[in-house]
């Protein structure tokens, strides 16, 4: 059903649940592919070129971590690739999903505080879930 599954990651332990869920969905079809995406947040009001060395260092470290994630899941029958992009996280994930014709976004989300549920409305996962044109699976 879902051929291209996007999993945005920030390298925190909570990403494991999202990645496991994406893998279980992708394993149902030989055509499925998981795309791991890491967004490096850029600094507002500074030209990219001013911070290019800093950003490229972050990009190299992120690519190495993504490669390790791919290797952990290799040989299990699911195609996987990764990408590192720059920008504002929620906007960039949604744009990437549209430009790459993603069928499903699977991302980790935090538990909502029952006493203060409105505090979760400004999270990246909530923003992506509301704005994305494709289905979004939030994994807690």
N, C-alpha and C. Protein backbone atom coordinates (compact mmCIF):
# COMPACT_ATOMS: atom_id res chain seq x y z
N UNK A 1 0.81 -1.20 0.00
CA UNK A 1 0.00 0.00 0.00
C UNK A 1 0.86 1.27 0.00
N UNK A 2 1.87 1.31 0.85
CA UNK A 2 2.76 2.47 0.93
C UNK A 2 4.10 2.09 0.30
N UNK A 3 4.42 2.70 -0.82
CA UNK A 3 5.66 2.36 -1.50
C UNK A 3 6.84 3.20 -1.05
N UNK A 4 6.60 4.47 -0.72
CA UNK A 4 7.69 5.33 -0.27
C UNK A 4 7.31 5.89 1.10
N UNK A 5 8.04 5.44 2.10
CA UNK A 5 7.76 5.82 3.49
C UNK A 5 8.89 6.71 3.99
N UNK A 6 8.54 7.90 4.42
CA UNK A 6 9.51 8.87 4.93
C UNK A 6 9.55 8.81 6.45
N UNK A 7 10.77 8.70 6.99
CA UNK A 7 10.95 8.68 8.44
C UNK A 7 11.92 9.80 8.81
N UNK A 8 11.41 10.95 9.25
CA UNK A 8 12.30 12.02 9.72
C UNK A 8 12.92 11.60 11.06
N UNK A 9 14.23 11.80 11.19
CA UNK A 9 14.92 11.39 12.42
C UNK A 9 15.77 12.53 12.96
N UNK A 10 15.86 12.57 14.28
CA UNK A 10 16.72 13.55 14.94
C UNK A 10 17.78 12.86 15.79
N UNK A 11 17.89 11.54 15.64
CA UNK A 11 18.88 10.69 16.30
C UNK A 11 18.64 10.53 17.80
N UNK A 12 17.43 10.79 18.25
CA UNK A 12 17.10 10.55 19.64
C UNK A 12 16.53 9.14 19.77
N UNK A 13 16.55 8.57 20.97
CA UNK A 13 16.04 7.20 21.15
C UNK A 13 14.57 7.02 20.72
N UNK A 14 13.80 8.09 20.77
CA UNK A 14 12.38 7.97 20.39
C UNK A 14 12.19 7.63 18.91
N UNK A 15 13.23 7.83 18.10
CA UNK A 15 13.13 7.50 16.68
C UNK A 15 13.01 6.00 16.43
N UNK A 16 13.45 5.18 17.38
CA UNK A 16 13.41 3.73 17.21
C UNK A 16 12.00 3.22 16.95
N UNK A 17 11.03 3.73 17.71
CA UNK A 17 9.65 3.25 17.55
C UNK A 17 9.11 3.61 16.16
N UNK A 18 9.42 4.80 15.68
CA UNK A 18 8.97 5.21 14.34
C UNK A 18 9.63 4.36 13.27
N UNK A 19 10.91 4.12 13.41
CA UNK A 19 11.63 3.33 12.42
C UNK A 19 11.15 1.88 12.41
N UNK A 20 10.89 1.32 13.57
CA UNK A 20 10.36 -0.04 13.65
C UNK A 20 9.00 -0.13 12.98
N UNK A 21 8.14 0.84 13.24
CA UNK A 21 6.81 0.86 12.61
C UNK A 21 6.92 0.98 11.09
N UNK A 22 7.79 1.86 10.63
CA UNK A 22 7.98 2.04 9.19
C UNK A 22 8.49 0.75 8.56
N UNK A 23 9.42 0.09 9.22
CA UNK A 23 9.96 -1.15 8.70
C UNK A 23 8.88 -2.22 8.59
N UNK A 24 8.04 -2.34 9.62
CA UNK A 24 6.96 -3.33 9.59
C UNK A 24 6.00 -3.07 8.44
N UNK A 25 5.69 -1.81 8.18
CA UNK A 25 4.82 -1.47 7.05
C UNK A 25 5.50 -1.75 5.71
N UNK A 26 6.76 -1.38 5.60
CA UNK A 26 7.50 -1.55 4.34
C UNK A 26 7.73 -3.03 4.02
N UNK A 27 7.87 -3.85 5.03
CA UNK A 27 8.15 -5.27 4.82
C UNK A 27 6.98 -6.00 4.15
N UNK A 28 5.83 -5.38 4.09
CA UNK A 28 4.64 -6.01 3.49
C UNK A 28 4.65 -5.98 1.97
N UNK A 29 5.55 -5.19 1.38
CA UNK A 29 5.58 -5.07 -0.07
C UNK A 29 7.01 -5.01 -0.57
N UNK A 30 7.29 -5.74 -1.63
CA UNK A 30 8.63 -5.71 -2.22
C UNK A 30 8.94 -4.36 -2.86
N UNK A 31 7.91 -3.59 -3.16
CA UNK A 31 8.10 -2.29 -3.81
C UNK A 31 8.41 -1.17 -2.82
N UNK A 32 8.23 -1.42 -1.54
CA UNK A 32 8.38 -0.37 -0.54
C UNK A 32 9.83 0.05 -0.33
N UNK A 33 9.97 1.31 0.02
CA UNK A 33 11.27 1.89 0.32
C UNK A 33 11.10 2.83 1.51
N UNK A 34 12.06 2.80 2.40
CA UNK A 34 12.09 3.74 3.53
C UNK A 34 13.14 4.79 3.23
N UNK A 35 12.76 6.05 3.41
CA UNK A 35 13.69 7.15 3.25
C UNK A 35 13.88 7.79 4.63
N UNK A 36 15.10 7.68 5.15
CA UNK A 36 15.43 8.36 6.40
C UNK A 36 15.83 9.79 6.07
N UNK A 37 15.26 10.74 6.80
CA UNK A 37 15.53 12.15 6.52
C UNK A 37 15.96 12.84 7.81
N UNK A 38 17.08 13.55 7.70
CA UNK A 38 17.51 14.40 8.81
C UNK A 38 17.56 15.84 8.31
N UNK A 39 16.90 16.73 9.04
CA UNK A 39 16.89 18.14 8.68
C UNK A 39 17.81 18.88 9.63
N UNK A 40 18.77 19.59 9.06
CA UNK A 40 19.65 20.44 9.85
C UNK A 40 19.03 21.83 9.86
N UNK A 41 18.62 22.25 11.02
CA UNK A 41 17.95 23.54 11.18
C UNK A 41 18.95 24.66 10.91
N UNK A 42 18.58 25.55 10.03
CA UNK A 42 19.45 26.69 9.71
C UNK A 42 19.15 27.85 10.66
N UNK A 43 20.11 28.73 10.79
CA UNK A 43 19.99 29.87 11.69
C UNK A 43 19.37 31.03 10.91
N UNK A 44 18.24 31.51 11.41
CA UNK A 44 17.58 32.65 10.77
C UNK A 44 18.49 33.88 10.77
N UNK A 45 18.33 34.68 9.77
CA UNK A 45 19.02 35.98 9.63
C UNK A 45 20.52 35.87 9.39
N UNK A 46 21.00 34.68 9.05
CA UNK A 46 22.40 34.50 8.67
C UNK A 46 22.42 33.81 7.31
N UNK A 47 23.24 34.31 6.44
CA UNK A 47 23.38 33.68 5.14
C UNK A 47 24.01 32.30 5.30
N UNK A 48 23.55 31.36 4.50
CA UNK A 48 24.06 29.99 4.58
C UNK A 48 25.58 29.97 4.42
N UNK A 49 26.09 30.77 3.48
CA UNK A 49 27.53 30.78 3.21
C UNK A 49 28.36 31.20 4.42
N UNK A 50 27.78 32.05 5.29
CA UNK A 50 28.51 32.49 6.49
C UNK A 50 28.77 31.33 7.43
N UNK A 51 27.89 30.34 7.41
CA UNK A 51 27.98 29.20 8.33
C UNK A 51 28.27 27.90 7.59
N UNK A 52 28.69 27.98 6.35
CA UNK A 52 28.84 26.79 5.50
C UNK A 52 29.73 25.72 6.14
N UNK A 53 30.86 26.11 6.69
CA UNK A 53 31.74 25.12 7.32
C UNK A 53 31.06 24.41 8.48
N UNK A 54 30.35 25.16 9.29
CA UNK A 54 29.62 24.59 10.42
C UNK A 54 28.54 23.63 9.92
N UNK A 55 27.74 24.07 8.95
CA UNK A 55 26.67 23.24 8.41
C UNK A 55 27.21 21.97 7.76
N UNK A 56 28.31 22.08 7.03
CA UNK A 56 28.85 20.90 6.35
C UNK A 56 29.41 19.89 7.35
N UNK A 57 29.92 20.36 8.47
CA UNK A 57 30.35 19.45 9.53
C UNK A 57 29.17 18.69 10.11
N UNK A 58 28.07 19.41 10.35
CA UNK A 58 26.86 18.76 10.83
C UNK A 58 26.32 17.76 9.81
N UNK A 59 26.39 18.13 8.55
CA UNK A 59 25.91 17.26 7.48
C UNK A 59 26.71 15.95 7.43
N UNK A 60 28.02 16.05 7.56
CA UNK A 60 28.87 14.85 7.53
C UNK A 60 28.56 13.93 8.70
N UNK A 61 28.39 14.50 9.89
CA UNK A 61 28.06 13.68 11.06
C UNK A 61 26.69 13.04 10.91
N UNK A 62 25.73 13.80 10.40
CA UNK A 62 24.37 13.25 10.21
C UNK A 62 24.38 12.12 9.19
N UNK A 63 25.10 12.30 8.09
CA UNK A 63 25.17 11.26 7.05
C UNK A 63 25.78 9.98 7.62
N UNK A 64 26.79 10.11 8.46
CA UNK A 64 27.41 8.93 9.07
C UNK A 64 26.43 8.21 9.98
N UNK A 65 25.67 8.95 10.77
CA UNK A 65 24.68 8.34 11.66
C UNK A 65 23.56 7.67 10.86
N UNK A 66 23.12 8.32 9.78
CA UNK A 66 22.08 7.74 8.93
C UNK A 66 22.57 6.45 8.28
N UNK A 67 23.81 6.45 7.86
CA UNK A 67 24.40 5.25 7.26
C UNK A 67 24.41 4.11 8.28
N UNK A 68 24.75 4.40 9.53
CA UNK A 68 24.73 3.38 10.59
C UNK A 68 23.32 2.84 10.80
N UNK A 69 22.33 3.74 10.76
CA UNK A 69 20.94 3.30 10.91
C UNK A 69 20.56 2.35 9.77
N UNK A 70 20.95 2.70 8.56
CA UNK A 70 20.67 1.84 7.41
C UNK A 70 21.33 0.48 7.56
N UNK A 71 22.57 0.46 7.99
CA UNK A 71 23.29 -0.80 8.14
C UNK A 71 22.62 -1.72 9.15
N UNK A 72 22.07 -1.15 10.23
CA UNK A 72 21.38 -1.96 11.24
C UNK A 72 20.20 -2.70 10.66
N UNK A 73 19.54 -2.11 9.65
CA UNK A 73 18.34 -2.72 9.06
C UNK A 73 18.63 -3.45 7.76
N UNK A 74 19.87 -3.42 7.30
CA UNK A 74 20.24 -4.04 6.02
C UNK A 74 20.01 -5.55 6.06
N UNK A 75 19.71 -6.11 4.91
CA UNK A 75 19.54 -7.55 4.79
C UNK A 75 18.21 -8.08 5.28
N UNK A 76 17.28 -7.20 5.53
CA UNK A 76 15.97 -7.65 6.02
C UNK A 76 14.88 -7.50 4.96
N UNK A 77 15.29 -7.27 3.72
CA UNK A 77 14.33 -7.26 2.63
C UNK A 77 13.63 -5.95 2.36
N UNK A 78 14.06 -4.87 2.98
CA UNK A 78 13.43 -3.56 2.76
C UNK A 78 14.50 -2.61 2.23
N UNK A 79 14.20 -1.97 1.12
CA UNK A 79 15.12 -0.97 0.59
C UNK A 79 15.08 0.27 1.49
N UNK A 80 16.25 0.84 1.70
CA UNK A 80 16.34 2.02 2.56
C UNK A 80 17.42 2.94 2.01
N UNK A 81 17.14 4.23 2.09
CA UNK A 81 18.13 5.23 1.72
C UNK A 81 17.96 6.42 2.66
N UNK A 82 18.88 7.38 2.57
CA UNK A 82 18.79 8.53 3.47
C UNK A 82 19.11 9.81 2.72
N UNK A 83 18.73 10.91 3.37
CA UNK A 83 19.02 12.23 2.83
C UNK A 83 19.18 13.19 4.00
N UNK A 84 20.03 14.17 3.80
CA UNK A 84 20.24 15.25 4.78
C UNK A 84 19.92 16.55 4.05
N UNK A 85 19.05 17.36 4.64
CA UNK A 85 18.66 18.63 4.03
C UNK A 85 18.75 19.74 5.08
N UNK A 86 18.69 20.97 4.62
CA UNK A 86 18.79 22.14 5.49
C UNK A 86 17.49 22.93 5.45
N UNK A 87 17.11 23.51 6.58
CA UNK A 87 15.93 24.37 6.62
C UNK A 87 15.23 24.28 7.95
N UNK A 88 14.02 24.79 7.97
CA UNK A 88 13.17 24.67 9.16
C UNK A 88 12.56 23.29 9.14
N UNK A 89 12.61 22.60 10.26
CA UNK A 89 12.29 21.17 10.26
C UNK A 89 10.90 20.83 9.74
N UNK A 90 9.85 21.37 10.30
CA UNK A 90 8.50 20.98 9.87
C UNK A 90 8.26 21.32 8.40
N UNK A 91 8.58 22.53 8.03
CA UNK A 91 8.37 22.97 6.63
C UNK A 91 9.19 22.12 5.67
N UNK A 92 10.41 21.82 6.03
CA UNK A 92 11.31 21.09 5.16
C UNK A 92 10.86 19.64 5.00
N UNK A 93 10.39 19.02 6.06
CA UNK A 93 9.89 17.65 5.97
C UNK A 93 8.68 17.59 5.04
N UNK A 94 7.75 18.52 5.19
CA UNK A 94 6.56 18.54 4.35
C UNK A 94 6.94 18.78 2.89
N UNK A 95 7.83 19.72 2.65
CA UNK A 95 8.27 20.01 1.27
C UNK A 95 8.97 18.79 0.66
N UNK A 96 9.84 18.15 1.43
CA UNK A 96 10.55 16.97 0.96
C UNK A 96 9.55 15.87 0.59
N UNK A 97 8.55 15.68 1.43
CA UNK A 97 7.54 14.64 1.17
C UNK A 97 6.81 14.92 -0.15
N UNK A 98 6.47 16.17 -0.39
CA UNK A 98 5.77 16.52 -1.62
C UNK A 98 6.67 16.37 -2.83
N UNK A 99 7.88 16.87 -2.75
CA UNK A 99 8.80 16.83 -3.89
C UNK A 99 9.23 15.41 -4.24
N UNK A 100 9.22 14.52 -3.26
CA UNK A 100 9.66 13.14 -3.48
C UNK A 100 8.50 12.15 -3.55
N UNK A 101 7.30 12.66 -3.66
CA UNK A 101 6.08 11.86 -3.81
C UNK A 101 6.03 10.73 -2.77
N UNK A 102 6.09 11.12 -1.52
CA UNK A 102 6.05 10.19 -0.40
C UNK A 102 4.60 9.76 -0.17
N UNK A 103 4.41 8.47 0.12
CA UNK A 103 3.08 7.93 0.38
C UNK A 103 2.68 8.01 1.84
N UNK A 104 3.68 8.03 2.74
CA UNK A 104 3.40 8.02 4.17
C UNK A 104 4.60 8.62 4.90
N UNK A 105 4.31 9.43 5.90
CA UNK A 105 5.34 9.94 6.80
C UNK A 105 5.14 9.25 8.15
N UNK A 106 6.19 8.64 8.66
CA UNK A 106 6.13 8.00 9.98
C UNK A 106 7.12 8.74 10.87
N UNK A 107 6.63 9.34 11.93
CA UNK A 107 7.55 10.05 12.81
C UNK A 107 7.17 9.88 14.26
N UNK A 108 8.18 10.01 15.09
CA UNK A 108 7.97 9.87 16.51
C UNK A 108 7.31 11.12 17.06
N UNK A 109 6.52 10.91 18.09
CA UNK A 109 5.83 12.01 18.75
C UNK A 109 5.92 11.76 20.25
N UNK A 110 5.74 12.80 21.00
CA UNK A 110 5.80 12.66 22.45
C UNK A 110 4.41 12.37 23.01
N UNK A 111 4.37 11.89 24.22
CA UNK A 111 3.10 11.70 24.91
C UNK A 111 2.52 13.07 25.26
N UNK A 112 1.24 13.22 25.08
CA UNK A 112 0.58 14.48 25.40
C UNK A 112 0.27 14.52 26.89
N UNK A 113 0.58 15.63 27.53
CA UNK A 113 0.28 15.84 28.94
C UNK A 113 -1.23 16.03 29.08
N UNK A 114 -1.89 15.10 29.74
CA UNK A 114 -3.35 15.15 29.87
C UNK A 114 -3.83 16.41 30.59
N UNK A 115 -3.00 16.94 31.48
CA UNK A 115 -3.37 18.15 32.21
C UNK A 115 -3.20 19.42 31.38
N UNK A 116 -2.33 19.35 30.36
CA UNK A 116 -2.05 20.51 29.51
C UNK A 116 -1.93 20.08 28.05
N UNK A 117 -3.00 19.55 27.46
CA UNK A 117 -2.90 19.02 26.09
C UNK A 117 -2.54 20.06 25.04
N UNK A 118 -2.87 21.31 25.27
CA UNK A 118 -2.59 22.35 24.28
C UNK A 118 -1.10 22.60 24.11
N UNK A 119 -0.28 22.18 25.06
CA UNK A 119 1.16 22.39 24.96
C UNK A 119 1.76 21.60 23.80
N UNK A 120 1.11 20.53 23.37
CA UNK A 120 1.62 19.70 22.29
C UNK A 120 1.29 20.21 20.91
N UNK A 121 0.47 21.24 20.81
CA UNK A 121 0.04 21.72 19.50
C UNK A 121 1.15 22.39 18.71
N UNK A 122 2.16 22.88 19.35
CA UNK A 122 3.23 23.57 18.65
C UNK A 122 4.41 22.67 18.28
N UNK A 123 4.29 21.37 18.50
CA UNK A 123 5.40 20.48 18.22
C UNK A 123 5.58 20.27 16.72
N UNK A 124 6.77 19.85 16.36
CA UNK A 124 7.08 19.59 14.96
C UNK A 124 6.20 18.49 14.42
N UNK A 125 6.01 17.40 15.19
CA UNK A 125 5.19 16.30 14.70
C UNK A 125 3.75 16.74 14.46
N UNK A 126 3.22 17.57 15.33
CA UNK A 126 1.85 18.05 15.15
C UNK A 126 1.75 18.92 13.89
N UNK A 127 2.72 19.81 13.70
CA UNK A 127 2.70 20.68 12.52
C UNK A 127 2.75 19.85 11.24
N UNK A 128 3.63 18.86 11.21
CA UNK A 128 3.74 18.01 10.02
C UNK A 128 2.44 17.26 9.78
N UNK A 129 1.87 16.70 10.84
CA UNK A 129 0.62 15.93 10.71
C UNK A 129 -0.51 16.78 10.16
N UNK A 130 -0.57 18.04 10.53
CA UNK A 130 -1.65 18.92 10.08
C UNK A 130 -1.45 19.38 8.64
N UNK A 131 -0.22 19.69 8.26
CA UNK A 131 0.05 20.32 6.97
C UNK A 131 0.32 19.33 5.84
N UNK A 132 0.90 18.18 6.14
CA UNK A 132 1.27 17.23 5.09
C UNK A 132 0.07 16.79 4.28
N UNK A 133 0.28 16.62 2.99
CA UNK A 133 -0.79 16.18 2.08
C UNK A 133 -0.93 14.67 2.04
N UNK A 134 0.07 13.96 2.49
CA UNK A 134 0.00 12.50 2.52
C UNK A 134 -0.35 12.05 3.95
N UNK A 135 -0.71 10.78 4.13
CA UNK A 135 -0.98 10.29 5.48
C UNK A 135 0.25 10.40 6.38
N UNK A 136 0.00 10.62 7.66
CA UNK A 136 1.07 10.73 8.65
C UNK A 136 0.74 9.79 9.80
N UNK A 137 1.72 8.97 10.17
CA UNK A 137 1.57 8.08 11.32
C UNK A 137 2.47 8.61 12.43
N UNK A 138 1.85 9.02 13.55
CA UNK A 138 2.60 9.48 14.71
C UNK A 138 2.76 8.31 15.66
N UNK A 139 4.00 8.00 16.01
CA UNK A 139 4.30 6.87 16.86
C UNK A 139 4.76 7.40 18.20
N UNK A 140 4.11 6.94 19.27
CA UNK A 140 4.47 7.40 20.62
C UNK A 140 5.18 6.32 21.36
